[in-house]
N, C-alpha and C. Protein backbone atom coordinates (compact mmCIF):
# COMPACT_ATOMS: atom_id res chain seq x y z
N MET A 1 16.34 180.87 33.52
CA MET A 1 16.69 179.46 33.48
C MET A 1 15.57 178.67 32.82
N LYS A 2 15.96 177.70 32.02
CA LYS A 2 15.01 176.86 31.32
C LYS A 2 15.41 175.41 31.51
N THR A 3 14.41 174.54 31.66
CA THR A 3 14.65 173.10 31.79
C THR A 3 13.75 172.38 30.80
N LEU A 4 14.36 171.55 29.94
CA LEU A 4 13.62 170.79 28.93
C LEU A 4 13.89 169.30 29.06
N ARG A 5 12.85 168.51 28.88
CA ARG A 5 13.01 167.06 28.74
C ARG A 5 12.70 166.73 27.29
N ILE A 6 13.63 166.02 26.65
CA ILE A 6 13.54 165.74 25.22
C ILE A 6 13.67 164.24 25.00
N TYR A 7 12.81 163.72 24.14
CA TYR A 7 12.91 162.33 23.70
C TYR A 7 13.19 162.37 22.20
N VAL A 8 14.28 161.72 21.79
CA VAL A 8 14.71 161.72 20.39
C VAL A 8 14.57 160.30 19.85
N SER A 9 13.91 160.17 18.70
CA SER A 9 13.79 158.85 18.09
C SER A 9 14.38 158.88 16.68
N GLY A 10 14.67 157.69 16.19
CA GLY A 10 15.33 157.51 14.91
C GLY A 10 16.55 156.63 15.12
N SER A 11 17.56 156.80 14.29
CA SER A 11 18.83 156.07 14.47
C SER A 11 19.72 156.92 15.37
N VAL A 12 19.51 156.77 16.68
CA VAL A 12 20.20 157.62 17.65
C VAL A 12 21.00 156.83 18.68
N GLN A 13 20.96 155.51 18.59
CA GLN A 13 21.77 154.69 19.49
C GLN A 13 22.84 153.99 18.67
N GLY A 14 24.04 153.89 19.23
CA GLY A 14 25.15 153.26 18.53
C GLY A 14 25.84 154.18 17.53
N VAL A 15 25.59 155.49 17.61
CA VAL A 15 26.19 156.45 16.68
C VAL A 15 26.88 157.60 17.45
N PHE A 16 27.24 157.33 18.71
CA PHE A 16 27.93 158.30 19.57
C PHE A 16 27.06 159.54 19.86
N PHE A 17 25.74 159.34 19.85
CA PHE A 17 24.82 160.44 20.11
C PHE A 17 25.00 160.99 21.52
N ARG A 18 25.10 160.12 22.52
CA ARG A 18 25.23 160.58 23.90
C ARG A 18 26.52 161.37 24.10
N LYS A 19 27.63 160.89 23.55
CA LYS A 19 28.90 161.62 23.68
C LYS A 19 28.81 162.98 23.00
N PHE A 20 28.20 163.01 21.84
CA PHE A 20 28.01 164.26 21.09
C PHE A 20 27.22 165.27 21.93
N ILE A 21 26.15 164.81 22.54
CA ILE A 21 25.33 165.68 23.38
C ILE A 21 26.11 166.16 24.59
N LYS A 22 26.81 165.26 25.26
CA LYS A 22 27.60 165.63 26.45
C LYS A 22 28.67 166.65 26.10
N ASP A 23 29.41 166.43 25.04
CA ASP A 23 30.48 167.35 24.64
C ASP A 23 29.93 168.75 24.39
N ASN A 24 28.80 168.82 23.70
CA ASN A 24 28.20 170.13 23.39
C ASN A 24 27.59 170.77 24.62
N ALA A 25 26.98 169.99 25.49
CA ALA A 25 26.42 170.53 26.73
C ALA A 25 27.52 171.13 27.59
N ASP A 26 28.66 170.46 27.66
CA ASP A 26 29.79 170.98 28.43
C ASP A 26 30.28 172.31 27.85
N LYS A 27 30.37 172.39 26.53
CA LYS A 27 30.81 173.63 25.87
C LYS A 27 29.85 174.79 26.15
N LEU A 28 28.55 174.48 26.22
CA LEU A 28 27.53 175.52 26.37
C LEU A 28 27.13 175.75 27.83
N ASN A 29 27.80 175.06 28.74
CA ASN A 29 27.50 175.20 30.17
C ASN A 29 26.03 174.87 30.48
N VAL A 30 25.56 173.78 29.87
CA VAL A 30 24.21 173.29 30.11
C VAL A 30 24.33 172.05 31.00
N ARG A 31 23.45 171.96 31.97
CA ARG A 31 23.46 170.84 32.91
C ARG A 31 22.34 169.87 32.57
N GLY A 32 22.41 168.65 33.16
CA GLY A 32 21.36 167.66 32.96
C GLY A 32 21.95 166.29 32.71
N PHE A 33 21.30 165.54 31.81
CA PHE A 33 21.80 164.19 31.49
C PHE A 33 21.29 163.76 30.12
N VAL A 34 21.92 162.69 29.63
CA VAL A 34 21.48 162.03 28.40
C VAL A 34 21.57 160.54 28.65
N ARG A 35 20.59 159.78 28.14
CA ARG A 35 20.66 158.32 28.30
C ARG A 35 19.86 157.64 27.21
N ASN A 36 20.31 156.42 26.86
CA ASN A 36 19.56 155.58 25.94
C ASN A 36 18.39 154.96 26.69
N LEU A 37 17.28 154.79 26.00
CA LEU A 37 16.13 154.10 26.56
C LEU A 37 15.98 152.74 25.90
N GLU A 38 15.34 151.82 26.59
CA GLU A 38 15.19 150.45 26.07
C GLU A 38 14.38 150.40 24.78
N ASP A 39 13.53 151.40 24.52
CA ASP A 39 12.71 151.39 23.31
C ASP A 39 13.43 151.97 22.09
N GLY A 40 14.74 152.29 22.23
CA GLY A 40 15.52 152.78 21.10
C GLY A 40 15.64 154.29 21.04
N ARG A 41 14.87 155.01 21.87
CA ARG A 41 14.98 156.47 21.91
C ARG A 41 16.11 156.89 22.83
N VAL A 42 16.44 158.18 22.76
CA VAL A 42 17.38 158.79 23.68
C VAL A 42 16.61 159.86 24.46
N GLU A 43 16.81 159.88 25.77
CA GLU A 43 16.21 160.90 26.62
C GLU A 43 17.28 161.91 26.99
N ILE A 44 16.95 163.18 26.90
CA ILE A 44 17.88 164.26 27.23
C ILE A 44 17.17 165.23 28.16
N LEU A 45 17.83 165.61 29.22
CA LEU A 45 17.31 166.66 30.08
C LEU A 45 18.32 167.79 30.05
N LEU A 46 17.87 168.97 29.64
CA LEU A 46 18.74 170.15 29.51
C LEU A 46 18.28 171.21 30.49
N GLU A 47 19.25 171.83 31.17
CA GLU A 47 18.93 172.88 32.12
C GLU A 47 20.01 173.94 32.08
N GLY A 48 19.61 175.19 31.97
CA GLY A 48 20.58 176.27 31.95
C GLY A 48 19.95 177.58 31.50
N LYS A 49 20.80 178.53 31.16
CA LYS A 49 20.33 179.82 30.67
C LYS A 49 19.53 179.61 29.39
N ASP A 50 18.49 180.40 29.22
CA ASP A 50 17.57 180.23 28.09
C ASP A 50 18.29 180.14 26.75
N ASP A 51 19.23 181.06 26.48
CA ASP A 51 19.94 181.07 25.20
C ASP A 51 20.78 179.81 25.01
N ASN A 52 21.42 179.35 26.08
CA ASN A 52 22.26 178.15 26.00
C ASN A 52 21.41 176.91 25.75
N VAL A 53 20.27 176.82 26.43
CA VAL A 53 19.37 175.68 26.23
C VAL A 53 18.80 175.71 24.81
N LYS A 54 18.46 176.89 24.32
CA LYS A 54 17.95 177.02 22.95
C LYS A 54 19.01 176.57 21.94
N GLU A 55 20.25 176.97 22.14
CA GLU A 55 21.33 176.55 21.24
C GLU A 55 21.54 175.04 21.33
N MET A 56 21.46 174.50 22.54
CA MET A 56 21.63 173.06 22.75
C MET A 56 20.50 172.28 22.09
N LEU A 57 19.30 172.84 22.07
CA LEU A 57 18.18 172.20 21.40
C LEU A 57 18.47 172.05 19.90
N GLY A 58 19.09 173.07 19.32
CA GLY A 58 19.51 172.98 17.92
C GLY A 58 20.53 171.88 17.69
N VAL A 59 21.44 171.72 18.64
CA VAL A 59 22.44 170.65 18.57
C VAL A 59 21.75 169.29 18.61
N CYS A 60 20.74 169.16 19.48
CA CYS A 60 20.00 167.90 19.59
C CYS A 60 19.28 167.57 18.29
N LYS A 61 18.74 168.58 17.62
CA LYS A 61 18.01 168.38 16.36
C LYS A 61 18.93 167.94 15.23
N THR A 62 20.20 168.35 15.30
CA THR A 62 21.18 167.99 14.28
C THR A 62 21.80 166.63 14.55
N GLY A 63 22.29 166.43 15.78
CA GLY A 63 22.93 165.18 16.16
C GLY A 63 24.27 164.99 15.47
N PRO A 64 24.98 163.91 15.82
CA PRO A 64 26.26 163.61 15.16
C PRO A 64 26.01 163.14 13.72
N LYS A 65 27.06 163.08 12.94
CA LYS A 65 26.88 162.84 11.49
C LYS A 65 26.23 161.50 11.14
N HIS A 66 26.34 160.47 11.98
CA HIS A 66 25.76 159.17 11.64
C HIS A 66 24.35 158.98 12.21
N ALA A 67 23.86 159.96 12.95
CA ALA A 67 22.51 159.87 13.49
C ALA A 67 21.49 160.22 12.41
N ASP A 68 20.31 159.65 12.53
CA ASP A 68 19.19 159.97 11.65
C ASP A 68 17.97 160.22 12.55
N ILE A 69 17.72 161.48 12.84
CA ILE A 69 16.67 161.85 13.78
C ILE A 69 15.34 161.91 13.05
N LYS A 70 14.39 161.13 13.55
CA LYS A 70 13.05 161.06 12.94
C LYS A 70 12.05 161.94 13.67
N ASN A 71 12.17 162.03 15.00
CA ASN A 71 11.18 162.76 15.78
C ASN A 71 11.80 163.22 17.10
N MET A 72 11.30 164.36 17.59
CA MET A 72 11.69 164.85 18.91
C MET A 72 10.44 165.30 19.66
N GLU A 73 10.31 164.81 20.88
CA GLU A 73 9.26 165.28 21.79
C GLU A 73 9.95 166.19 22.80
N ILE A 74 9.46 167.41 22.95
CA ILE A 74 10.10 168.40 23.81
C ILE A 74 9.06 168.94 24.79
N ARG A 75 9.39 168.89 26.07
CA ARG A 75 8.50 169.45 27.10
C ARG A 75 9.32 170.30 28.06
N GLU A 76 8.80 171.44 28.42
CA GLU A 76 9.43 172.24 29.46
C GLU A 76 8.95 171.70 30.81
N ILE A 77 9.89 171.52 31.73
CA ILE A 77 9.57 170.99 33.05
C ILE A 77 10.13 171.92 34.12
N ARG A 78 9.81 171.63 35.38
CA ARG A 78 10.30 172.47 36.47
C ARG A 78 11.81 172.28 36.65
N HIS A 79 12.44 173.28 37.20
CA HIS A 79 13.89 173.30 37.43
C HIS A 79 14.31 172.11 38.30
N GLN A 80 15.40 171.45 37.92
CA GLN A 80 15.87 170.26 38.62
C GLN A 80 17.13 170.51 39.46
N ASP A 81 17.84 171.60 39.20
CA ASP A 81 19.05 171.97 39.94
C ASP A 81 20.19 170.97 39.78
N PHE A 82 20.45 170.56 38.55
CA PHE A 82 21.60 169.70 38.27
C PHE A 82 22.89 170.48 38.46
N LYS A 83 23.95 169.77 38.82
CA LYS A 83 25.26 170.41 39.07
C LYS A 83 26.20 170.26 37.87
N GLY A 84 25.90 169.37 36.97
CA GLY A 84 26.75 169.15 35.80
C GLY A 84 25.94 168.40 34.75
N PHE A 85 26.63 167.87 33.74
CA PHE A 85 25.96 167.10 32.70
C PHE A 85 26.55 165.70 32.69
N LYS A 86 25.69 164.67 32.74
CA LYS A 86 26.14 163.30 32.82
C LYS A 86 25.57 162.45 31.70
N VAL A 87 26.34 161.43 31.32
CA VAL A 87 25.83 160.37 30.46
C VAL A 87 25.37 159.27 31.41
N MET A 88 24.09 158.98 31.39
CA MET A 88 23.51 157.98 32.29
C MET A 88 23.41 156.65 31.53
N ARG A 89 23.42 155.59 32.29
CA ARG A 89 23.27 154.25 31.71
C ARG A 89 22.13 153.55 32.43
N LEU A 90 21.37 152.74 31.67
CA LEU A 90 20.26 151.98 32.28
C LEU A 90 20.81 150.86 33.14
């Protein structure tokens, strides 16, 4: 099991980035959450089997077609034991 916290910056809000991440996380059986931050970044927490999280990381790097990803900060963190994947709102 692997758990990653990711901060994505660039043009990632208002381009269906969160929905894109949720749809792919559900397909890959990855748990966690995605949410917009007030500073314009998107925060993603991914948790699941190593291969699934690795594939999901690739999805995050690509984003939906209207996103323009400039930077990603990725940190491995301790297991959180999420039960599903949610789109969070501030």
